[in-house]
């Protein structure tokens, strides 16, 4: 990880974060002071991690995080003095990966970044797995429909219909789903 976006309306906090992030080895540290700028800079600079204050002018940190997470898979850490249940719930729904309490302690920064990054990776992996499972399930449904059509139209048993589709897939070097879709188009 080499780039970070810091967004806080307090220059002193940004300077403190910037100094610590430099010590931690971040090469590029981009900073801004309001939520709208944070969204624009996130899309323009594509940072490895983002640290957002909750209370900022123009757009709060949670709204900015929600907008950023819709398009980027970047870990976001919320810097806040607000610990109320509503703030935590809004942060969770917006894809926030971690919290840093204000005034932040320097020793808390690296663990917050590590945990937010791990959380973001885990969420993206789970999303990919869900998409793969949906695709597998959809393929199975299509293959089952095609098998049913072969059984009905050609008087085949279920194993015979499956073997026929399997042989066609091997002979034509197509997936079972592609063969099933072709059967559905021609036999229906």
N, C-alpha and C. Protein backbone atom coordinates (compact mmCIF):
# COMPACT_ATOMS: atom_id res chain seq x y z
N UNK A 1 0.83 -1.17 0.00
CA UNK A 1 0.00 0.00 0.00
C UNK A 1 0.88 1.24 0.00
N UNK A 2 0.61 2.11 -0.93
CA UNK A 2 1.49 3.25 -1.03
C UNK A 2 0.78 4.59 -1.10
N UNK A 3 -0.55 4.62 -1.31
CA UNK A 3 -1.23 5.91 -1.39
C UNK A 3 -2.43 5.94 -0.46
N UNK A 4 -2.68 7.11 0.07
CA UNK A 4 -3.78 7.29 1.02
C UNK A 4 -4.42 8.66 0.79
N UNK A 5 -5.72 8.71 0.95
CA UNK A 5 -6.46 9.97 0.90
C UNK A 5 -6.94 10.27 2.31
N UNK A 6 -6.61 11.46 2.80
CA UNK A 6 -7.05 11.92 4.12
C UNK A 6 -8.05 13.05 3.88
N UNK A 7 -9.20 12.96 4.50
CA UNK A 7 -10.17 14.03 4.39
C UNK A 7 -10.68 14.40 5.77
N UNK A 8 -10.30 15.59 6.21
CA UNK A 8 -10.73 16.13 7.50
C UNK A 8 -10.75 17.64 7.37
N UNK A 9 -11.74 18.28 7.93
CA UNK A 9 -11.82 19.73 7.80
C UNK A 9 -10.88 20.46 8.77
N UNK A 10 -10.18 19.73 9.61
CA UNK A 10 -9.23 20.33 10.55
C UNK A 10 -7.80 20.10 10.04
N UNK A 11 -7.12 21.17 9.61
CA UNK A 11 -5.75 21.04 9.07
C UNK A 11 -4.77 20.39 10.04
N UNK A 12 -4.94 20.62 11.32
CA UNK A 12 -4.01 20.06 12.32
C UNK A 12 -4.11 18.53 12.33
N UNK A 13 -5.33 18.03 12.25
CA UNK A 13 -5.54 16.57 12.22
C UNK A 13 -4.92 16.00 10.94
N UNK A 14 -5.17 16.66 9.81
CA UNK A 14 -4.59 16.18 8.54
C UNK A 14 -3.08 16.15 8.63
N UNK A 15 -2.47 17.19 9.20
CA UNK A 15 -1.02 17.24 9.32
C UNK A 15 -0.50 16.10 10.21
N UNK A 16 -1.18 15.87 11.32
CA UNK A 16 -0.77 14.79 12.23
C UNK A 16 -0.87 13.43 11.54
N UNK A 17 -1.98 13.21 10.83
CA UNK A 17 -2.16 11.95 10.09
C UNK A 17 -1.09 11.81 9.00
N UNK A 18 -0.84 12.89 8.30
CA UNK A 18 0.13 12.86 7.21
C UNK A 18 1.52 12.50 7.73
N UNK A 19 1.91 13.08 8.85
CA UNK A 19 3.22 12.77 9.44
C UNK A 19 3.33 11.30 9.81
N UNK A 20 2.31 10.77 10.44
CA UNK A 20 2.34 9.37 10.87
C UNK A 20 2.31 8.43 9.66
N UNK A 21 1.50 8.76 8.65
CA UNK A 21 1.42 7.93 7.45
C UNK A 21 2.75 7.93 6.69
N UNK A 22 3.44 9.04 6.70
CA UNK A 22 4.77 9.12 6.08
C UNK A 22 5.73 8.18 6.81
N UNK A 23 5.67 8.20 8.14
CA UNK A 23 6.50 7.29 8.95
C UNK A 23 6.17 5.83 8.64
N UNK A 24 4.92 5.55 8.35
CA UNK A 24 4.48 4.18 8.07
C UNK A 24 4.83 3.73 6.65
N UNK A 25 5.38 4.64 5.84
CA UNK A 25 5.85 4.25 4.52
C UNK A 25 4.94 4.56 3.36
N UNK A 26 3.91 5.36 3.58
CA UNK A 26 3.04 5.74 2.47
C UNK A 26 3.76 6.74 1.59
N UNK A 27 3.77 6.47 0.28
CA UNK A 27 4.47 7.33 -0.67
C UNK A 27 3.66 8.56 -1.06
N UNK A 28 2.39 8.35 -1.33
CA UNK A 28 1.54 9.45 -1.79
C UNK A 28 0.42 9.66 -0.78
N UNK A 29 0.38 10.88 -0.24
CA UNK A 29 -0.65 11.23 0.72
C UNK A 29 -1.38 12.44 0.17
N UNK A 30 -2.65 12.22 -0.18
CA UNK A 30 -3.49 13.27 -0.75
C UNK A 30 -4.43 13.72 0.35
N UNK A 31 -4.66 15.01 0.45
CA UNK A 31 -5.54 15.49 1.51
C UNK A 31 -6.53 16.51 1.02
N UNK A 32 -7.66 16.57 1.71
CA UNK A 32 -8.70 17.56 1.39
C UNK A 32 -9.50 17.84 2.65
N UNK A 33 -10.43 18.81 2.55
CA UNK A 33 -11.13 19.25 3.74
C UNK A 33 -12.64 19.12 3.73
N UNK A 34 -13.24 18.58 2.66
CA UNK A 34 -14.69 18.37 2.67
C UNK A 34 -15.06 17.10 1.92
N UNK A 35 -16.26 16.62 2.17
CA UNK A 35 -16.71 15.35 1.62
C UNK A 35 -16.83 15.32 0.11
N UNK A 36 -17.27 16.42 -0.49
CA UNK A 36 -17.38 16.46 -1.95
C UNK A 36 -16.00 16.33 -2.60
N UNK A 37 -15.02 17.04 -2.03
CA UNK A 37 -13.65 16.93 -2.54
C UNK A 37 -13.13 15.51 -2.37
N UNK A 38 -13.48 14.88 -1.27
CA UNK A 38 -13.02 13.52 -1.01
C UNK A 38 -13.49 12.57 -2.10
N UNK A 39 -14.75 12.72 -2.49
CA UNK A 39 -15.30 11.85 -3.53
C UNK A 39 -14.57 12.09 -4.85
N UNK A 40 -14.43 13.36 -5.23
CA UNK A 40 -13.73 13.69 -6.49
C UNK A 40 -12.29 13.18 -6.48
N UNK A 41 -11.58 13.40 -5.37
CA UNK A 41 -10.17 12.99 -5.29
C UNK A 41 -10.03 11.47 -5.27
N UNK A 42 -10.96 10.79 -4.63
CA UNK A 42 -10.91 9.33 -4.59
C UNK A 42 -11.01 8.76 -6.01
N UNK A 43 -11.93 9.31 -6.81
CA UNK A 43 -12.10 8.82 -8.17
C UNK A 43 -10.94 9.23 -9.07
N UNK A 44 -10.34 10.37 -8.79
CA UNK A 44 -9.22 10.84 -9.63
C UNK A 44 -7.90 10.16 -9.27
N UNK A 45 -7.65 9.96 -7.97
CA UNK A 45 -6.34 9.46 -7.51
C UNK A 45 -6.31 7.95 -7.25
N UNK A 46 -7.48 7.33 -7.05
CA UNK A 46 -7.57 5.90 -6.75
C UNK A 46 -6.60 5.47 -5.64
N UNK A 47 -6.78 6.01 -4.44
CA UNK A 47 -5.87 5.68 -3.34
C UNK A 47 -6.04 4.24 -2.86
N UNK A 48 -5.03 3.73 -2.17
CA UNK A 48 -5.08 2.37 -1.62
C UNK A 48 -5.96 2.30 -0.37
N UNK A 49 -6.05 3.41 0.35
CA UNK A 49 -6.88 3.48 1.56
C UNK A 49 -7.35 4.93 1.72
N UNK A 50 -8.52 5.09 2.35
CA UNK A 50 -9.08 6.42 2.57
C UNK A 50 -9.42 6.58 4.05
N UNK A 51 -9.08 7.74 4.59
CA UNK A 51 -9.43 8.08 5.97
C UNK A 51 -10.32 9.31 5.91
N UNK A 52 -11.56 9.17 6.39
CA UNK A 52 -12.54 10.25 6.32
C UNK A 52 -13.04 10.65 7.71
N UNK A 53 -13.13 11.94 7.93
CA UNK A 53 -13.78 12.47 9.12
C UNK A 53 -15.29 12.33 8.92
N UNK A 54 -16.02 12.18 10.00
CA UNK A 54 -17.47 12.08 9.88
C UNK A 54 -18.07 13.45 9.60
N UNK A 55 -17.77 14.41 10.44
CA UNK A 55 -18.39 15.74 10.34
C UNK A 55 -17.53 16.65 9.48
N UNK A 56 -18.02 16.90 8.26
CA UNK A 56 -17.29 17.78 7.34
C UNK A 56 -18.28 18.65 6.59
N UNK A 57 -17.79 19.75 6.05
CA UNK A 57 -18.68 20.59 5.25
C UNK A 57 -19.05 19.92 3.92
N UNK A 58 -20.13 20.37 3.34
CA UNK A 58 -20.66 19.97 2.03
C UNK A 58 -21.21 18.55 1.99
N UNK A 59 -20.48 17.58 2.53
CA UNK A 59 -20.94 16.18 2.55
C UNK A 59 -20.22 15.49 3.70
N UNK A 60 -20.98 14.82 4.56
CA UNK A 60 -20.30 14.16 5.69
C UNK A 60 -19.52 12.94 5.22
N UNK A 61 -18.65 12.45 6.07
CA UNK A 61 -17.76 11.35 5.72
C UNK A 61 -18.50 10.06 5.37
N UNK A 62 -19.61 9.81 6.01
CA UNK A 62 -20.35 8.57 5.75
C UNK A 62 -21.01 8.63 4.38
N UNK A 63 -21.59 9.78 4.04
CA UNK A 63 -22.20 9.94 2.71
C UNK A 63 -21.12 9.84 1.63
N UNK A 64 -19.97 10.45 1.88
CA UNK A 64 -18.85 10.37 0.93
C UNK A 64 -18.39 8.92 0.78
N UNK A 65 -18.29 8.20 1.89
CA UNK A 65 -17.86 6.79 1.86
C UNK A 65 -18.84 5.95 1.04
N UNK A 66 -20.13 6.19 1.24
CA UNK A 66 -21.14 5.43 0.50
C UNK A 66 -20.97 5.65 -1.00
N UNK A 67 -20.77 6.88 -1.40
CA UNK A 67 -20.60 7.20 -2.82
C UNK A 67 -19.32 6.59 -3.38
N UNK A 68 -18.26 6.66 -2.62
CA UNK A 68 -16.97 6.09 -3.06
C UNK A 68 -17.06 4.58 -3.19
N UNK A 69 -17.64 3.92 -2.19
CA UNK A 69 -17.71 2.45 -2.18
C UNK A 69 -18.60 1.90 -3.29
N UNK A 70 -19.48 2.71 -3.84
CA UNK A 70 -20.31 2.24 -4.95
C UNK A 70 -19.47 1.99 -6.20
N UNK A 71 -18.36 2.72 -6.32
CA UNK A 71 -17.53 2.59 -7.52
C UNK A 71 -16.14 2.03 -7.26
N UNK A 72 -15.62 2.17 -6.06
CA UNK A 72 -14.26 1.71 -5.76
C UNK A 72 -14.28 0.68 -4.64
N UNK A 73 -13.36 -0.25 -4.72
CA UNK A 73 -13.26 -1.31 -3.70
C UNK A 73 -12.14 -0.97 -2.72
N UNK A 74 -12.10 0.26 -2.29
CA UNK A 74 -11.01 0.75 -1.45
C UNK A 74 -11.43 0.69 0.03
N UNK A 75 -10.52 0.27 0.91
CA UNK A 75 -10.85 0.29 2.34
C UNK A 75 -10.98 1.73 2.85
N UNK A 76 -12.00 1.96 3.65
CA UNK A 76 -12.25 3.30 4.20
C UNK A 76 -12.29 3.22 5.72
N UNK A 77 -11.57 4.14 6.34
CA UNK A 77 -11.54 4.25 7.80
C UNK A 77 -12.21 5.56 8.18
N UNK A 78 -13.08 5.51 9.15
CA UNK A 78 -13.79 6.69 9.60
C UNK A 78 -13.07 7.27 10.82
N UNK A 79 -12.78 8.55 10.75
CA UNK A 79 -12.15 9.27 11.85
C UNK A 79 -13.25 10.06 12.52
N UNK A 80 -13.54 9.78 13.78
CA UNK A 80 -14.72 10.38 14.39
C UNK A 80 -14.62 10.55 15.89
N UNK A 81 -15.35 11.51 16.38
CA UNK A 81 -15.53 11.68 17.82
C UNK A 81 -16.95 11.23 18.18
N UNK A 82 -17.72 10.80 17.18
CA UNK A 82 -19.11 10.36 17.37
C UNK A 82 -19.17 8.84 17.46
N UNK A 83 -19.63 8.33 18.58
CA UNK A 83 -19.71 6.87 18.75
C UNK A 83 -21.14 6.42 18.94
N UNK A 84 -22.11 7.26 18.64
CA UNK A 84 -23.49 6.89 18.88
C UNK A 84 -23.92 5.76 17.94
N UNK A 85 -24.97 5.07 18.32
CA UNK A 85 -25.43 3.90 17.57
C UNK A 85 -25.82 4.24 16.14
N UNK A 86 -26.40 5.40 15.92
CA UNK A 86 -26.81 5.80 14.58
C UNK A 86 -25.59 5.97 13.66
N UNK A 87 -24.54 6.59 14.17
CA UNK A 87 -23.33 6.79 13.38
C UNK A 87 -22.70 5.45 13.02
N UNK A 88 -22.64 4.55 13.98
CA UNK A 88 -22.05 3.23 13.74
C UNK A 88 -22.90 2.46 12.72
N UNK A 89 -24.20 2.52 12.84
CA UNK A 89 -25.08 1.82 11.89
C UNK A 89 -24.92 2.39 10.49
N UNK A 90 -24.91 3.71 10.36
CA UNK A 90 -24.72 4.33 9.05
C UNK A 90 -23.36 3.95 8.46
N UNK A 91 -22.34 3.92 9.30
CA UNK A 91 -20.99 3.56 8.83
C UNK A 91 -20.97 2.12 8.33
N UNK A 92 -21.58 1.22 9.07
CA UNK A 92 -21.62 -0.19 8.69
C UNK A 92 -22.31 -0.36 7.34
N UNK A 93 -23.44 0.32 7.15
CA UNK A 93 -24.20 0.23 5.90
C UNK A 93 -23.45 0.84 4.72
N UNK A 94 -22.53 1.75 5.00
CA UNK A 94 -21.80 2.45 3.94
C UNK A 94 -20.51 1.77 3.52
N UNK A 95 -20.17 0.67 4.17
CA UNK A 95 -18.96 -0.05 3.79
C UNK A 95 -17.70 0.42 4.48
N UNK A 96 -17.86 1.10 5.60
CA UNK A 96 -16.70 1.56 6.38
C UNK A 96 -16.01 0.33 6.97
N UNK A 97 -14.68 0.28 6.82
CA UNK A 97 -13.92 -0.88 7.29
C UNK A 97 -13.31 -0.73 8.67
N UNK A 98 -13.33 0.49 9.23
CA UNK A 98 -12.73 0.67 10.54
C UNK A 98 -13.01 2.05 11.10
N UNK A 99 -12.79 2.18 12.40
CA UNK A 99 -12.99 3.45 13.11
C UNK A 99 -11.69 3.88 13.76
N UNK A 100 -11.42 5.16 13.72
CA UNK A 100 -10.37 5.77 14.52
C UNK A 100 -11.03 6.84 15.37
N UNK A 101 -10.83 6.77 16.67
CA UNK A 101 -11.46 7.73 17.57
C UNK A 101 -10.63 9.01 17.62
N UNK A 102 -11.33 10.14 17.66
CA UNK A 102 -10.68 11.44 17.84
C UNK A 102 -10.66 11.76 19.32
N UNK A 103 -9.61 12.28 19.84
CA UNK A 103 -8.33 12.49 19.17
C UNK A 103 -7.64 11.14 18.98
N UNK A 104 -7.15 10.90 17.76
CA UNK A 104 -6.58 9.59 17.47
C UNK A 104 -5.19 9.46 18.08
N UNK A 105 -4.90 8.24 18.48
CA UNK A 105 -3.56 7.94 19.00
C UNK A 105 -2.76 7.33 17.86
N UNK A 106 -1.54 7.76 17.70
CA UNK A 106 -0.72 7.32 16.57
C UNK A 106 -0.58 5.81 16.51
N UNK A 107 -0.50 5.15 17.67
CA UNK A 107 -0.32 3.70 17.67
C UNK A 107 -1.57 2.96 17.19
N UNK A 108 -2.71 3.64 17.09
CA UNK A 108 -3.95 3.02 16.61
C UNK A 108 -4.08 3.06 15.09
N UNK A 109 -3.28 3.89 14.43
CA UNK A 109 -3.44 4.10 12.99
C UNK A 109 -3.11 2.86 12.17
N UNK A 110 -1.94 2.27 12.38
CA UNK A 110 -1.55 1.11 11.57
C UNK A 110 -2.50 -0.08 11.75
N UNK A 111 -2.88 -0.44 13.00
CA UNK A 111 -3.85 -1.55 13.13
C UNK A 111 -5.18 -1.24 12.45
N UNK A 112 -5.64 0.00 12.51
CA UNK A 112 -6.90 0.36 11.85
C UNK A 112 -6.78 0.18 10.34
N UNK A 113 -5.65 0.57 9.78
CA UNK A 113 -5.44 0.42 8.34
C UNK A 113 -5.39 -1.06 7.97
N UNK A 114 -4.63 -1.84 8.72
CA UNK A 114 -4.51 -3.28 8.43
C UNK A 114 -5.87 -3.98 8.50
N UNK A 115 -6.63 -3.69 9.54
CA UNK A 115 -7.94 -4.34 9.69
C UNK A 115 -8.92 -3.90 8.61
N UNK A 116 -8.90 -2.62 8.26
CA UNK A 116 -9.79 -2.14 7.20
C UNK A 116 -9.45 -2.79 5.87
N UNK A 117 -8.16 -2.94 5.59
CA UNK A 117 -7.74 -3.58 4.33
C UNK A 117 -8.15 -5.05 4.31
N UNK A 118 -7.93 -5.74 5.42
CA UNK A 118 -8.31 -7.15 5.51
C UNK A 118 -9.82 -7.30 5.34
N UNK A 119 -10.57 -6.42 5.97
CA UNK A 119 -12.03 -6.45 5.87
C UNK A 119 -12.48 -6.22 4.42
N UNK A 120 -11.89 -5.24 3.76
CA UNK A 120 -12.26 -4.94 2.37
C UNK A 120 -11.95 -6.12 1.45
N UNK A 121 -10.79 -6.76 1.64
CA UNK A 121 -10.43 -7.93 0.84
C UNK A 121 -11.41 -9.07 1.06
N UNK A 122 -11.77 -9.29 2.32
CA UNK A 122 -12.69 -10.37 2.66
C UNK A 122 -14.07 -10.13 2.04
N UNK A 123 -14.55 -8.90 2.11
CA UNK A 123 -15.85 -8.57 1.54
C UNK A 123 -15.84 -8.79 0.03
N UNK A 124 -14.79 -8.34 -0.64
CA UNK A 124 -14.71 -8.51 -2.10
C UNK A 124 -14.63 -9.98 -2.48
N UNK A 125 -13.88 -10.77 -1.72
CA UNK A 125 -13.79 -12.20 -1.97
C UNK A 125 -15.15 -12.86 -1.81
N UNK A 126 -15.86 -12.49 -0.76
CA UNK A 126 -17.20 -13.04 -0.54
C UNK A 126 -18.16 -12.65 -1.66
N UNK A 127 -18.07 -11.41 -2.13
CA UNK A 127 -18.92 -10.98 -3.25
C UNK A 127 -18.63 -11.81 -4.50
N UNK A 128 -17.37 -12.06 -4.77
CA UNK A 128 -16.99 -12.88 -5.92
C UNK A 128 -17.53 -14.30 -5.78
N UNK A 129 -17.42 -14.86 -4.57
CA UNK A 129 -17.92 -16.21 -4.34
C UNK A 129 -19.43 -16.28 -4.52
N UNK A 130 -20.14 -15.27 -4.05
CA UNK A 130 -21.59 -15.22 -4.22
C UNK A 130 -21.95 -15.17 -5.70
N UNK A 131 -21.24 -14.34 -6.46
CA UNK A 131 -21.49 -14.25 -7.90
C UNK A 131 -21.22 -15.59 -8.59
N UNK A 132 -20.12 -16.26 -8.21
CA UNK A 132 -19.81 -17.58 -8.78
C UNK A 132 -20.92 -18.58 -8.45
N UNK A 133 -21.39 -18.56 -7.22
CA UNK A 133 -22.46 -19.48 -6.82
C UNK A 133 -23.76 -19.19 -7.57
N UNK A 134 -24.06 -17.91 -7.76
CA UNK A 134 -25.26 -17.56 -8.53
C UNK A 134 -25.14 -18.07 -9.96
N UNK A 135 -23.98 -17.91 -10.55
CA UNK A 135 -23.74 -18.38 -11.92
C UNK A 135 -23.88 -19.90 -12.00
N UNK A 136 -23.30 -20.61 -11.03
CA UNK A 136 -23.40 -22.07 -10.99
C UNK A 136 -24.85 -22.51 -10.85
N UNK A 137 -25.57 -21.86 -9.97
CA UNK A 137 -26.98 -22.20 -9.77
C UNK A 137 -27.79 -21.94 -11.02
N UNK A 138 -27.55 -20.82 -11.67
CA UNK A 138 -28.26 -20.49 -12.90
C UNK A 138 -27.94 -21.52 -13.99
N UNK A 139 -26.68 -21.91 -14.09
CA UNK A 139 -26.29 -22.93 -15.08
C UNK A 139 -26.99 -24.25 -14.80
N UNK A 140 -27.05 -24.63 -13.54
CA UNK A 140 -27.73 -25.88 -13.18
C UNK A 140 -29.20 -25.85 -13.57
N UNK A 141 -29.84 -24.71 -13.32
CA UNK A 141 -31.26 -24.59 -13.68
C UNK A 141 -31.45 -24.76 -15.18
N UNK A 142 -30.59 -24.15 -15.96
CA UNK A 142 -30.70 -24.22 -17.42
C UNK A 142 -30.46 -25.65 -17.89
N UNK A 143 -29.44 -26.32 -17.32
CA UNK A 143 -29.14 -27.71 -17.69
C UNK A 143 -30.33 -28.60 -17.32
N UNK A 144 -30.93 -28.41 -16.16
CA UNK A 144 -32.07 -29.21 -15.74
C UNK A 144 -33.26 -29.01 -16.68
N UNK A 145 -33.50 -27.77 -17.09
CA UNK A 145 -34.60 -27.51 -18.04
C UNK A 145 -34.35 -28.22 -19.36
N UNK A 146 -33.13 -28.11 -19.84
CA UNK A 146 -32.79 -28.75 -21.12
C UNK A 146 -32.92 -30.27 -21.01
N UNK A 147 -32.48 -30.83 -19.89
CA UNK A 147 -32.63 -32.28 -19.67
C UNK A 147 -34.10 -32.66 -19.72
N UNK A 148 -34.92 -31.86 -19.07
CA UNK A 148 -36.36 -32.13 -19.05
C UNK A 148 -36.96 -32.10 -20.45
N UNK A 149 -36.52 -31.17 -21.27
CA UNK A 149 -37.01 -31.09 -22.65
C UNK A 149 -36.58 -32.32 -23.45
N UNK A 150 -35.32 -32.73 -23.30
CA UNK A 150 -34.84 -33.92 -24.00
C UNK A 150 -35.62 -35.15 -23.55
N UNK A 151 -35.86 -35.26 -22.26
CA UNK A 151 -36.60 -36.41 -21.74
C UNK A 151 -38.02 -36.43 -22.31
N UNK A 152 -38.65 -35.29 -22.37
CA UNK A 152 -40.03 -35.21 -22.86
C UNK A 152 -40.11 -35.39 -24.37
N UNK A 153 -39.27 -34.68 -25.10
CA UNK A 153 -39.37 -34.68 -26.56
C UNK A 153 -38.76 -35.92 -27.22
N UNK A 154 -37.74 -36.50 -26.58
CA UNK A 154 -37.05 -37.63 -27.21
C UNK A 154 -37.23 -38.93 -26.44
N UNK A 155 -38.03 -38.90 -25.38
CA UNK A 155 -38.32 -40.11 -24.62
C UNK A 155 -37.10 -40.68 -23.91
N UNK A 156 -36.17 -39.84 -23.50
CA UNK A 156 -34.95 -40.31 -22.83
C UNK A 156 -35.16 -40.35 -21.33
N UNK A 157 -34.38 -41.20 -20.67
CA UNK A 157 -34.35 -41.18 -19.20
C UNK A 157 -33.46 -40.00 -18.78
N UNK A 158 -33.50 -39.68 -17.51
CA UNK A 158 -32.67 -38.55 -17.03
C UNK A 158 -31.18 -38.79 -17.26
N UNK A 159 -30.65 -40.00 -16.91
CA UNK A 159 -29.22 -40.24 -17.19
C UNK A 159 -28.89 -40.19 -18.68
N UNK A 160 -29.81 -40.68 -19.52
CA UNK A 160 -29.57 -40.65 -20.97
C UNK A 160 -29.54 -39.21 -21.49
N UNK A 161 -30.45 -38.40 -21.01
CA UNK A 161 -30.50 -37.00 -21.43
C UNK A 161 -29.23 -36.27 -20.99
N UNK A 162 -28.79 -36.56 -19.77
CA UNK A 162 -27.57 -35.93 -19.28
C UNK A 162 -26.36 -36.36 -20.10
N UNK A 163 -26.26 -37.66 -20.37
CA UNK A 163 -25.13 -38.17 -21.16
C UNK A 163 -25.12 -37.58 -22.57
N UNK A 164 -26.31 -37.44 -23.14
CA UNK A 164 -26.41 -36.86 -24.49
C UNK A 164 -25.87 -35.42 -24.47
N UNK A 165 -26.28 -34.66 -23.48
CA UNK A 165 -25.80 -33.28 -23.36
C UNK A 165 -24.30 -33.23 -23.10
N UNK A 166 -23.83 -34.15 -22.27
CA UNK A 166 -22.40 -34.22 -21.95
C UNK A 166 -21.59 -34.54 -23.21
N UNK A 167 -22.07 -35.49 -24.00
CA UNK A 167 -21.37 -35.87 -25.23
C UNK A 167 -21.35 -34.72 -26.21
N UNK A 168 -22.48 -34.04 -26.36
CA UNK A 168 -22.53 -32.87 -27.24
C UNK A 168 -21.54 -31.80 -26.78
N UNK A 169 -21.47 -31.59 -25.48
CA UNK A 169 -20.55 -30.57 -24.94
C UNK A 169 -19.11 -30.94 -25.26
N UNK A 170 -18.76 -32.22 -25.10
CA UNK A 170 -17.38 -32.64 -25.40
C UNK A 170 -17.11 -32.57 -26.89
N UNK A 171 -18.04 -33.06 -27.70
CA UNK A 171 -17.84 -33.07 -29.15
C UNK A 171 -17.71 -31.66 -29.72
N UNK A 172 -18.51 -30.76 -29.23
CA UNK A 172 -18.53 -29.40 -29.76
C UNK A 172 -17.60 -28.45 -28.99
N UNK A 173 -16.99 -28.99 -27.94
CA UNK A 173 -16.08 -28.19 -27.09
C UNK A 173 -16.78 -26.95 -26.54
N UNK A 174 -17.94 -27.18 -26.00
CA UNK A 174 -18.77 -26.14 -25.40
C UNK A 174 -19.06 -26.54 -23.96
N UNK A 175 -19.50 -25.59 -23.19
CA UNK A 175 -19.87 -25.89 -21.81
C UNK A 175 -21.25 -26.54 -21.79
N UNK A 176 -21.54 -27.21 -20.70
CA UNK A 176 -22.88 -27.83 -20.55
C UNK A 176 -23.96 -26.74 -20.63
N UNK A 177 -23.67 -25.59 -20.08
CA UNK A 177 -24.66 -24.51 -20.12
C UNK A 177 -24.91 -24.07 -21.56
N UNK A 178 -23.87 -23.95 -22.36
CA UNK A 178 -24.04 -23.54 -23.75
C UNK A 178 -24.88 -24.56 -24.52
N UNK A 179 -24.61 -25.84 -24.28
CA UNK A 179 -25.40 -26.89 -24.93
C UNK A 179 -26.84 -26.82 -24.46
N UNK A 180 -27.03 -26.65 -23.15
CA UNK A 180 -28.39 -26.56 -22.61
C UNK A 180 -29.15 -25.38 -23.20
N UNK A 181 -28.48 -24.24 -23.33
CA UNK A 181 -29.14 -23.06 -23.91
C UNK A 181 -29.53 -23.32 -25.37
N UNK A 182 -28.66 -24.01 -26.10
CA UNK A 182 -28.97 -24.34 -27.50
C UNK A 182 -30.17 -25.28 -27.57
N UNK A 183 -30.22 -26.26 -26.69
CA UNK A 183 -31.34 -27.20 -26.65
C UNK A 183 -32.63 -26.45 -26.35
N UNK A 184 -32.57 -25.54 -25.39
CA UNK A 184 -33.76 -24.77 -25.03
C UNK A 184 -34.25 -23.94 -26.22
N UNK A 185 -33.32 -23.41 -26.99
CA UNK A 185 -33.70 -22.61 -28.14
C UNK A 185 -34.31 -23.46 -29.26
N UNK A 186 -33.73 -24.63 -29.51
CA UNK A 186 -34.16 -25.45 -30.65
C UNK A 186 -35.31 -26.38 -30.30
N UNK A 187 -35.34 -26.94 -29.12
CA UNK A 187 -36.34 -27.95 -28.76
C UNK A 187 -37.62 -27.37 -28.19
N UNK A 188 -37.56 -26.17 -27.66
CA UNK A 188 -38.76 -25.58 -27.04
C UNK A 188 -39.70 -25.16 -28.11
